[in-house]
Amino acid sequence: MSAYAILDLEIFDVEKLQEYKNIAPEIIKKFGGKIIVRGGEPNIVEGNWNPKRVVIIEFPSYEIANDWWNSEDYRKATELRNKGANTNAIIIDGI
């Protein structure tokens, strides 16, 4: 069953975030992940959620998504991401 990593980024330094964007896709691909949403203008249809930049990544399973998030490679990428953006993130099973 697929699982999804859903991130909401508030970018404060585009140049620093670019360093992350240069390496993150290959790490995601290494774990069988596929970016299915990156950016775009959200249409808030209900509630108080005010996402800034949404990224949704599909993984083959919940376990693989967590392995990706906790991997040494992605931990290094996260350090770069944190220099350019504040992030809220979840990993959730699909149906």
PDB file of N, CA and C in Angstrom:
ATOM      1  N   MET A   1       0.843  -1.171   0.000  1.00  0.00           N
ATOM      2  CA  MET A   1       0.000   0.000   0.000  1.00  0.00           C
ATOM      3  C   MET A   1       0.893   1.241   0.000  1.00  0.00           C
ATOM      4  N   SER A   2       0.591   2.183  -0.857  1.00  0.00           N
ATOM      5  CA  SER A   2       1.366   3.423  -0.941  1.00  0.00           C
ATOM      6  C   SER A   2       1.226   4.236   0.339  1.00  0.00           C
ATOM      7  N   ALA A   3       2.230   5.060   0.573  1.00  0.00           N
ATOM      8  CA  ALA A   3       2.205   6.017   1.677  1.00  0.00           C
ATOM      9  C   ALA A   3       2.658   7.359   1.113  1.00  0.00           C
ATOM     10  N   TYR A   4       2.335   8.411   1.829  1.00  0.00           N
ATOM     11  CA  TYR A   4       2.607   9.756   1.338  1.00  0.00           C
ATOM     12  C   TYR A   4       3.309  10.582   2.407  1.00  0.00           C
ATOM     13  N   ALA A   5       4.333  11.298   1.977  1.00  0.00           N
ATOM     14  CA  ALA A   5       4.946  12.322   2.811  1.00  0.00           C
ATOM     15  C   ALA A   5       4.349  13.636   2.335  1.00  0.00           C
ATOM     16  N   ILE A   6       3.790  14.387   3.262  1.00  0.00           N
ATOM     17  CA  ILE A   6       3.168  15.666   2.934  1.00  0.00           C
ATOM     18  C   ILE A   6       3.902  16.744   3.713  1.00  0.00           C
ATOM     19  N   LEU A   7       4.482  17.676   2.981  1.00  0.00           N
ATOM     20  CA  LEU A   7       5.258  18.751   3.588  1.00  0.00           C
ATOM     21  C   LEU A   7       4.642  20.091   3.231  1.00  0.00           C
ATOM     22  N   ASP A   8       4.671  21.000   4.170  1.00  0.00           N
ATOM     23  CA  ASP A   8       4.233  22.376   3.952  1.00  0.00           C
ATOM     24  C   ASP A   8       5.420  23.254   4.320  1.00  0.00           C
ATOM     25  N   LEU A   9       6.006  23.912   3.321  1.00  0.00           N
ATOM     26  CA  LEU A   9       7.203  24.709   3.525  1.00  0.00           C
ATOM     27  C   LEU A   9       6.893  26.195   3.493  1.00  0.00           C
ATOM     28  N   GLU A  10       7.464  26.915   4.434  1.00  0.00           N
ATOM     29  CA  GLU A  10       7.433  28.376   4.416  1.00  0.00           C
ATOM     30  C   GLU A  10       8.859  28.814   4.109  1.00  0.00           C
ATOM     31  N   ILE A  11       9.092  29.206   2.872  1.00  0.00           N
ATOM     32  CA  ILE A  11      10.438  29.515   2.398  1.00  0.00           C
ATOM     33  C   ILE A  11      10.842  30.908   2.860  1.00  0.00           C
ATOM     34  N   PHE A  12      12.052  30.994   3.446  1.00  0.00           N
ATOM     35  CA  PHE A  12      12.567  32.297   3.842  1.00  0.00           C
ATOM     36  C   PHE A  12      13.912  32.614   3.197  1.00  0.00           C
ATOM     37  N   ASP A  13      14.545  31.626   2.555  1.00  0.00           N
ATOM     38  CA  ASP A  13      15.802  31.861   1.848  1.00  0.00           C
ATOM     39  C   ASP A  13      15.842  30.937   0.624  1.00  0.00           C
ATOM     40  N   VAL A  14      15.494  31.481  -0.531  1.00  0.00           N
ATOM     41  CA  VAL A  14      15.390  30.701  -1.761  1.00  0.00           C
ATOM     42  C   VAL A  14      16.731  30.087  -2.146  1.00  0.00           C
ATOM     43  N   GLU A  15      17.815  30.838  -2.001  1.00  0.00           N
ATOM     44  CA  GLU A  15      19.135  30.332  -2.374  1.00  0.00           C
ATOM     45  C   GLU A  15      19.533  29.131  -1.526  1.00  0.00           C
ATOM     46  N   LYS A  16      19.307  29.206  -0.227  1.00  0.00           N
ATOM     47  CA  LYS A  16      19.644  28.081   0.654  1.00  0.00           C
ATOM     48  C   LYS A  16      18.761  26.877   0.331  1.00  0.00           C
ATOM     49  N   LEU A  17      17.498  27.116   0.045  1.00  0.00           N
ATOM     50  CA  LEU A  17      16.601  26.016  -0.279  1.00  0.00           C
ATOM     51  C   LEU A  17      17.004  25.338  -1.586  1.00  0.00           C
ATOM     52  N   GLN A  18      17.599  26.086  -2.490  1.00  0.00           N
ATOM     53  CA  GLN A  18      18.032  25.509  -3.763  1.00  0.00           C
ATOM     54  C   GLN A  18      19.054  24.396  -3.543  1.00  0.00           C
ATOM     55  N   GLU A  19      19.916  24.547  -2.548  1.00  0.00           N
ATOM     56  CA  GLU A  19      20.886  23.495  -2.237  1.00  0.00           C
ATOM     57  C   GLU A  19      20.159  22.196  -1.909  1.00  0.00           C
ATOM     58  N   TYR A  20      19.090  22.287  -1.141  1.00  0.00           N
ATOM     59  CA  TYR A  20      18.270  21.126  -0.811  1.00  0.00           C
ATOM     60  C   TYR A  20      17.634  20.552  -2.070  1.00  0.00           C
ATOM     61  N   LYS A  21      17.065  21.418  -2.890  1.00  0.00           N
ATOM     62  CA  LYS A  21      16.378  20.972  -4.099  1.00  0.00           C
ATOM     63  C   LYS A  21      17.329  20.302  -5.095  1.00  0.00           C
ATOM     64  N   ASN A  22      18.613  20.617  -5.003  1.00  0.00           N
ATOM     65  CA  ASN A  22      19.595  19.998  -5.887  1.00  0.00           C
ATOM     66  C   ASN A  22      19.871  18.540  -5.530  1.00  0.00           C
ATOM     67  N   ILE A  23      19.672  18.163  -4.262  1.00  0.00           N
ATOM     68  CA  ILE A  23      20.007  16.785  -3.847  1.00  0.00           C
ATOM     69  C   ILE A  23      18.800  15.942  -3.439  1.00  0.00           C
ATOM     70  N   ALA A  24      17.737  16.556  -2.991  1.00  0.00           N
ATOM     71  CA  ALA A  24      16.596  15.804  -2.450  1.00  0.00           C
ATOM     72  C   ALA A  24      15.937  14.860  -3.457  1.00  0.00           C
ATOM     73  N   PRO A  25      15.700  15.262  -4.708  1.00  0.00           N
ATOM     74  CA  PRO A  25      15.008  14.346  -5.630  1.00  0.00           C
ATOM     75  C   PRO A  25      15.720  13.003  -5.819  1.00  0.00           C
ATOM     76  N   GLU A  26      17.032  12.996  -5.864  1.00  0.00           N
ATOM     77  CA  GLU A  26      17.763  11.737  -6.030  1.00  0.00           C
ATOM     78  C   GLU A  26      17.622  10.848  -4.805  1.00  0.00           C
ATOM     79  N   ILE A  27      17.601  11.458  -3.627  1.00  0.00           N
ATOM     80  CA  ILE A  27      17.421  10.681  -2.395  1.00  0.00           C
ATOM     81  C   ILE A  27      16.011  10.092  -2.365  1.00  0.00           C
ATOM     82  N   ILE A  28      15.039  10.880  -2.745  1.00  0.00           N
ATOM     83  CA  ILE A  28      13.652  10.405  -2.802  1.00  0.00           C
ATOM     84  C   ILE A  28      13.544   9.229  -3.771  1.00  0.00           C
ATOM     85  N   LYS A  29      14.137   9.383  -4.950  1.00  0.00           N
ATOM     86  CA  LYS A  29      14.098   8.336  -5.972  1.00  0.00           C
ATOM     87  C   LYS A  29      14.777   7.050  -5.473  1.00  0.00           C
ATOM     88  N   LYS A  30      15.859   7.201  -4.713  1.00  0.00           N
ATOM     89  CA  LYS A  30      16.588   6.052  -4.157  1.00  0.00           C
ATOM     90  C   LYS A  30      15.675   5.176  -3.297  1.00  0.00           C
ATOM     91  N   PHE A  31      14.669   5.781  -2.666  1.00  0.00           N
ATOM     92  CA  PHE A  31      13.729   5.054  -1.818  1.00  0.00           C
ATOM     93  C   PHE A  31      12.421   4.727  -2.552  1.00  0.00           C
ATOM     94  N   GLY A  32      12.429   4.854  -3.856  1.00  0.00           N
ATOM     95  CA  GLY A  32      11.247   4.522  -4.644  1.00  0.00           C
ATOM     96  C   GLY A  32      10.172   5.583  -4.602  1.00  0.00           C
ATOM     97  N   GLY A  33      10.532   6.782  -4.139  1.00  0.00           N
ATOM     98  CA  GLY A  33       9.557   7.854  -4.023  1.00  0.00           C
ATOM     99  C   GLY A  33       9.366   8.619  -5.315  1.00  0.00           C
ATOM    100  N   LYS A  34       8.204   9.238  -5.419  1.00  0.00           N
ATOM    101  CA  LYS A  34       7.854  10.032  -6.593  1.00  0.00           C
ATOM    102  C   LYS A  34       7.154  11.304  -6.123  1.00  0.00           C
ATOM    103  N   ILE A  35       7.691  12.444  -6.500  1.00  0.00           N
ATOM    104  CA  ILE A  35       7.061  13.717  -6.151  1.00  0.00           C
ATOM    105  C   ILE A  35       5.824  13.875  -7.034  1.00  0.00           C
ATOM    106  N   ILE A  36       4.662  14.005  -6.392  1.00  0.00           N
ATOM    107  CA  ILE A  36       3.425  14.137  -7.166  1.00  0.00           C
ATOM    108  C   ILE A  36       2.812  15.536  -7.070  1.00  0.00           C
ATOM    109  N   VAL A  37       3.211  16.306  -6.070  1.00  0.00           N
ATOM    110  CA  VAL A  37       2.799  17.710  -5.951  1.00  0.00           C
ATOM    111  C   VAL A  37       4.009  18.491  -5.449  1.00  0.00           C
ATOM    112  N   ARG A  38       4.288  19.608  -6.122  1.00  0.00           N
ATOM    113  CA  ARG A  38       5.357  20.490  -5.648  1.00  0.00           C
ATOM    114  C   ARG A  38       4.959  21.911  -5.992  1.00  0.00           C
ATOM    115  N   GLY A  39       4.521  22.634  -4.972  1.00  0.00           N
ATOM    116  CA  GLY A  39       4.122  24.013  -5.189  1.00  0.00           C
ATOM    117  C   GLY A  39       2.694  24.096  -5.697  1.00  0.00           C
ATOM    118  N   GLY A  40       2.462  25.067  -6.522  1.00  0.00           N
ATOM    119  CA  GLY A  40       1.102  25.310  -6.993  1.00  0.00           C
ATOM    120  C   GLY A  40       0.375  26.224  -6.027  1.00  0.00           C
ATOM    121  N   GLU A  41      -0.681  26.809  -6.501  1.00  0.00           N
ATOM    122  CA  GLU A  41      -1.466  27.745  -5.685  1.00  0.00           C
ATOM    123  C   GLU A  41      -2.604  26.992  -5.006  1.00  0.00           C
ATOM    124  N   PRO A  42      -2.568  26.863  -3.676  1.00  0.00           N
ATOM    125  CA  PRO A  42      -3.651  26.137  -3.002  1.00  0.00           C
ATOM    126  C   PRO A  42      -4.955  26.942  -3.007  1.00  0.00           C
ATOM    127  N   ASN A  43      -6.038  26.244  -3.183  1.00  0.00           N
ATOM    128  CA  ASN A  43      -7.369  26.829  -3.117  1.00  0.00           C
ATOM    129  C   ASN A  43      -7.966  26.397  -1.771  1.00  0.00           C
ATOM    130  N   ILE A  44      -7.966  27.277  -0.799  1.00  0.00           N
ATOM    131  CA  ILE A  44      -8.488  26.957   0.526  1.00  0.00           C
ATOM    132  C   ILE A  44     -10.015  26.932   0.429  1.00  0.00           C
ATOM    133  N   VAL A  45     -10.588  25.741   0.568  1.00  0.00           N
ATOM    134  CA  VAL A  45     -12.039  25.616   0.411  1.00  0.00           C
ATOM    135  C   VAL A  45     -12.760  25.484   1.745  1.00  0.00           C
ATOM    136  N   GLU A  46     -12.015  25.187   2.810  1.00  0.00           N
ATOM    137  CA  GLU A  46     -12.644  25.090   4.122  1.00  0.00           C
ATOM    138  C   GLU A  46     -11.560  25.102   5.196  1.00  0.00           C
ATOM    139  N   GLY A  47     -11.885  25.657   6.332  1.00  0.00           N
ATOM    140  CA  GLY A  47     -10.991  25.616   7.482  1.00  0.00           C
ATOM    141  C   GLY A  47      -9.979  26.746   7.505  1.00  0.00           C
ATOM    142  N   ASN A  48      -9.035  26.610   8.443  1.00  0.00           N
ATOM    143  CA  ASN A  48      -8.056  27.662   8.706  1.00  0.00           C
ATOM    144  C   ASN A  48      -6.655  27.351   8.210  1.00  0.00           C
ATOM    145  N   TRP A  49      -6.477  26.217   7.535  1.00  0.00           N
ATOM    146  CA  TRP A  49      -5.150  25.853   7.065  1.00  0.00           C
ATOM    147  C   TRP A  49      -4.706  26.851   6.014  1.00  0.00           C
ATOM    148  N   ASN A  50      -3.482  27.347   6.143  1.00  0.00           N
ATOM    149  CA  ASN A  50      -2.937  28.313   5.204  1.00  0.00           C
ATOM    150  C   ASN A  50      -1.569  27.830   4.723  1.00  0.00           C
ATOM    151  N   PRO A  51      -1.545  26.780   3.894  1.00  0.00           N
ATOM    152  CA  PRO A  51      -0.259  26.242   3.461  1.00  0.00           C
ATOM    153  C   PRO A  51       0.492  27.240   2.590  1.00  0.00           C
ATOM    154  N   LYS A  52       1.806  27.202   2.687  1.00  0.00           N
ATOM    155  CA  LYS A  52       2.647  28.107   1.897  1.00  0.00           C
ATOM    156  C   LYS A  52       3.089  27.432   0.603  1.00  0.00           C
ATOM    157  N   ARG A  53       3.816  26.314   0.715  1.00  0.00           N
ATOM    158  CA  ARG A  53       4.265  25.544  -0.454  1.00  0.00           C
ATOM    159  C   ARG A  53       4.125  24.072  -0.101  1.00  0.00           C
ATOM    160  N   VAL A  54       3.196  23.408  -0.744  1.00  0.00           N
ATOM    161  CA  VAL A  54       2.891  22.020  -0.432  1.00  0.00           C
ATOM    162  C   VAL A  54       3.688  21.098  -1.356  1.00  0.00           C
ATOM    163  N   VAL A  55       4.268  20.061  -0.737  1.00  0.00           N
ATOM    164  CA  VAL A  55       4.955  19.007  -1.483  1.00  0.00           C
ATOM    165  C   VAL A  55       4.365  17.682  -1.010  1.00  0.00           C
ATOM    166  N   ILE A  56       3.959  16.839  -1.963  1.00  0.00           N
ATOM    167  CA  ILE A  56       3.448  15.509  -1.648  1.00  0.00           C
ATOM    168  C   ILE A  56       4.299  14.502  -2.401  1.00  0.00           C
ATOM    169  N   ILE A  57       4.826  13.528  -1.656  1.00  0.00           N
ATOM    170  CA  ILE A  57       5.691  12.505  -2.227  1.00  0.00           C
ATOM    171  C   ILE A  57       5.062  11.146  -1.963  1.00  0.00           C
ATOM    172  N   GLU A  58       4.918  10.353  -3.017  1.00  0.00           N
ATOM    173  CA  GLU A  58       4.353   9.016  -2.892  1.00  0.00           C
ATOM    174  C   GLU A  58       5.498   8.005  -2.758  1.00  0.00           C
ATOM    175  N   PHE A  59       5.360   7.091  -1.791  1.00  0.00           N
ATOM    176  CA  PHE A  59       6.319   6.013  -1.574  1.00  0.00           C
ATOM    177  C   PHE A  59       5.600   4.677  -1.675  1.00  0.00           C
ATOM    178  N   PRO A  60       6.347   3.599  -1.967  1.00  0.00           N
ATOM    179  CA  PRO A  60       5.718   2.281  -2.092  1.00  0.00           C
ATOM    180  C   PRO A  60       5.034   1.788  -0.821  1.00  0.00           C
ATOM    181  N   SER A  61       5.526   2.214   0.355  1.00  0.00           N
ATOM    182  CA  SER A  61       4.930   1.766   1.614  1.00  0.00           C
ATOM    183  C   SER A  61       5.236   2.765   2.723  1.00  0.00           C
ATOM    184  N   TYR A  62       4.490   2.620   3.804  1.00  0.00           N
ATOM    185  CA  TYR A  62       4.698   3.445   5.000  1.00  0.00           C
ATOM    186  C   TYR A  62       6.099   3.238   5.558  1.00  0.00           C
ATOM    187  N   GLU A  63       6.545   1.981   5.581  1.00  0.00           N
ATOM    188  CA  GLU A  63       7.858   1.649   6.118  1.00  0.00           C
ATOM    189  C   GLU A  63       8.961   2.305   5.288  1.00  0.00           C
ATOM    190  N   ILE A  64       8.823   2.239   3.970  1.00  0.00           N
ATOM    191  CA  ILE A  64       9.841   2.850   3.103  1.00  0.00           C
ATOM    192  C   ILE A  64       9.849   4.365   3.267  1.00  0.00           C
ATOM    193  N   ALA A  65       8.687   4.978   3.385  1.00  0.00           N
ATOM    194  CA  ALA A  65       8.621   6.430   3.594  1.00  0.00           C
ATOM    195  C   ALA A  65       9.334   6.818   4.882  1.00  0.00           C
ATOM    196  N   ASN A  66       9.129   6.047   5.932  1.00  0.00           N
ATOM    197  CA  ASN A  66       9.812   6.340   7.195  1.00  0.00           C
ATOM    198  C   ASN A  66      11.305   6.057   7.105  1.00  0.00           C
ATOM    199  N   ASP A  67      11.678   5.009   6.367  1.00  0.00           N
ATOM    200  CA  ASP A  67      13.105   4.737   6.165  1.00  0.00           C
ATOM    201  C   ASP A  67      13.769   5.906   5.446  1.00  0.00           C
ATOM    202  N   TRP A  68      13.082   6.454   4.431  1.00  0.00           N
ATOM    203  CA  TRP A  68      13.597   7.630   3.716  1.00  0.00           C
ATOM    204  C   TRP A  68      13.773   8.801   4.679  1.00  0.00           C
ATOM    205  N   TRP A  69      12.726   9.119   5.426  1.00  0.00           N
ATOM    206  CA  TRP A  69      12.764  10.276   6.323  1.00  0.00           C
ATOM    207  C   TRP A  69      13.889  10.148   7.354  1.00  0.00           C
ATOM    208  N   ASN A  70      14.120   8.940   7.837  1.00  0.00           N
ATOM    209  CA  ASN A  70      15.117   8.723   8.894  1.00  0.00           C
ATOM    210  C   ASN A  70      16.495   8.334   8.369  1.00  0.00           C
ATOM    211  N   SER A  71      16.656   8.294   7.048  1.00  0.00           N
ATOM    212  CA  SER A  71      17.944   7.897   6.475  1.00  0.00           C
ATOM    213  C   SER A  71      19.002   8.973   6.705  1.00  0.00           C
ATOM    214  N   GLU A  72      20.234   8.534   6.743  1.00  0.00           N
ATOM    215  CA  GLU A  72      21.350   9.465   6.907  1.00  0.00           C
ATOM    216  C   GLU A  72      21.401  10.455   5.743  1.00  0.00           C
ATOM    217  N   ASP A  73      21.174   9.965   4.524  1.00  0.00           N
ATOM    218  CA  ASP A  73      21.189  10.850   3.356  1.00  0.00           C
ATOM    219  C   ASP A  73      20.150  11.952   3.479  1.00  0.00           C
ATOM    220  N   TYR A  74      18.922  11.572   3.855  1.00  0.00           N
ATOM    221  CA  TYR A  74      17.886  12.594   3.928  1.00  0.00           C
ATOM    222  C   TYR A  74      18.071  13.500   5.143  1.00  0.00           C
ATOM    223  N   ARG A  75      18.638  12.976   6.194  1.00  0.00           N
ATOM    224  CA  ARG A  75      18.913  13.813   7.360  1.00  0.00           C
ATOM    225  C   ARG A  75      19.847  14.966   6.968  1.00  0.00           C
ATOM    226  N   LYS A  76      20.838  14.671   6.129  1.00  0.00           N
ATOM    227  CA  LYS A  76      21.746  15.724   5.647  1.00  0.00           C
ATOM    228  C   LYS A  76      20.994  16.723   4.769  1.00  0.00           C
ATOM    229  N   ALA A  77      20.101  16.220   3.931  1.00  0.00           N
ATOM    230  CA  ALA A  77      19.294  17.107   3.090  1.00  0.00           C
ATOM    231  C   ALA A  77      18.388  17.988   3.948  1.00  0.00           C
ATOM    232  N   THR A  78      17.839  17.412   5.006  1.00  0.00           N
ATOM    233  CA  THR A  78      16.973  18.164   5.914  1.00  0.00           C
ATOM    234  C   THR A  78      17.709  19.349   6.532  1.00  0.00           C
ATOM    235  N   GLU A  79      18.970  19.148   6.877  1.00  0.00           N
ATOM    236  CA  GLU A  79      19.763  20.250   7.425  1.00  0.00           C
ATOM    237  C   GLU A  79      19.832  21.402   6.435  1.00  0.00           C
ATOM    238  N   LEU A  80      19.991  21.088   5.147  1.00  0.00           N
ATOM    239  CA  LEU A  80      19.998  22.134   4.121  1.00  0.00           C
ATOM    240  C   LEU A  80      18.624  22.780   3.994  1.00  0.00           C
ATOM    241  N   ARG A  81      17.574  21.951   3.986  1.00  0.00           N
ATOM    242  CA  ARG A  81      16.210  22.491   3.861  1.00  0.00           C
ATOM    243  C   ARG A  81      15.898  23.467   4.993  1.00  0.00           C
ATOM    244  N   ASN A  82      16.324  23.111   6.190  1.00  0.00           N
ATOM    245  CA  ASN A  82      16.037  23.959   7.350  1.00  0.00           C
ATOM    246  C   ASN A  82      16.750  25.305   7.308  1.00  0.00           C
ATOM    247  N   LYS A  83      17.783  25.427   6.479  1.00  0.00           N
ATOM    248  CA  LYS A  83      18.466  26.717   6.317  1.00  0.00           C
ATOM    249  C   LYS A  83      17.685  27.647   5.394  1.00  0.00           C
ATOM    250  N   GLY A  84      16.696  27.083   4.660  1.00  0.00           N
ATOM    251  CA  GLY A  84      15.942  27.901   3.722  1.00  0.00           C
ATOM    252  C   GLY A  84      14.449  27.931   3.928  1.00  0.00           C
ATOM    253  N   ALA A  85      13.941  27.043   4.819  1.00  0.00           N
ATOM    254  CA  ALA A  85      12.485  26.989   4.989  1.00  0.00           C
ATOM    255  C   ALA A  85      12.116  26.405   6.347  1.00  0.00           C
ATOM    256  N   ASN A  86      10.988  26.863   6.869  1.00  0.00           N
ATOM    257  CA  ASN A  86      10.352  26.212   8.012  1.00  0.00           C
ATOM    258  C   ASN A  86       9.420  25.158   7.430  1.00  0.00           C
ATOM    259  N   THR A  87       9.382  23.984   8.056  1.00  0.00           N
ATOM    260  CA  THR A  87       8.646  22.867   7.476  1.00  0.00           C
ATOM    261  C   THR A  87       7.746  22.198   8.494  1.00  0.00           C
ATOM    262  N   ASN A  88       6.522  21.900   8.067  1.00  0.00           N
ATOM    263  CA  ASN A  88       5.637  20.970   8.769  1.00  0.00           C
ATOM    264  C   ASN A  88       5.553  19.752   7.872  1.00  0.00           C
ATOM    265  N   ALA A  89       5.607  18.550   8.463  1.00  0.00           N
ATOM    266  CA  ALA A  89       5.602  17.349   7.642  1.00  0.00           C
ATOM    267  C   ALA A  89       4.895  16.205   8.364  1.00  0.00           C
ATOM    268  N   ILE A  90       4.227  15.358   7.555  1.00  0.00           N
ATOM    269  CA  ILE A  90       3.659  14.135   8.057  1.00  0.00           C
ATOM    270  C   ILE A  90       3.925  13.016   7.055  1.00  0.00           C
ATOM    271  N   ILE A  91       3.888  11.793   7.540  1.00  0.00           N
ATOM    272  CA  ILE A  91       3.877  10.596   6.684  1.00  0.00           C
ATOM    273  C   ILE A  91       2.607   9.866   7.021  1.00  0.00           C
ATOM    274  N   ILE A  92       1.870   9.457   5.979  1.00  0.00           N
ATOM    275  CA  ILE A  92       0.568   8.846   6.195  1.00  0.00           C
ATOM    276  C   ILE A  92       0.336   7.738   5.178  1.00  0.00           C
ATOM    277  N   ASP A  93      -0.325   6.665   5.637  1.00  0.00           N
ATOM    278  CA  ASP A  93      -0.684   5.574   4.734  1.00  0.00           C
ATOM    279  C   ASP A  93      -1.738   6.012   3.744  1.00  0.00           C
ATOM    280  N   GLY A  94      -1.662   5.459   2.542  1.00  0.00           N
ATOM    281  CA  GLY A  94      -2.712   5.626   1.560  1.00  0.00           C
ATOM    282  C   GLY A  94      -3.756   4.542   1.735  1.00  0.00           C
ATOM    283  N   ILE A  95      -4.719   4.489   0.863  1.00  0.00           N
ATOM    284  CA  ILE A  95      -5.743   3.439   0.939  1.00  0.00           C
ATOM    285  C   ILE A  95      -5.674   2.555  -0.283  1.00  0.00           C
TER     286      ILE A  95
END
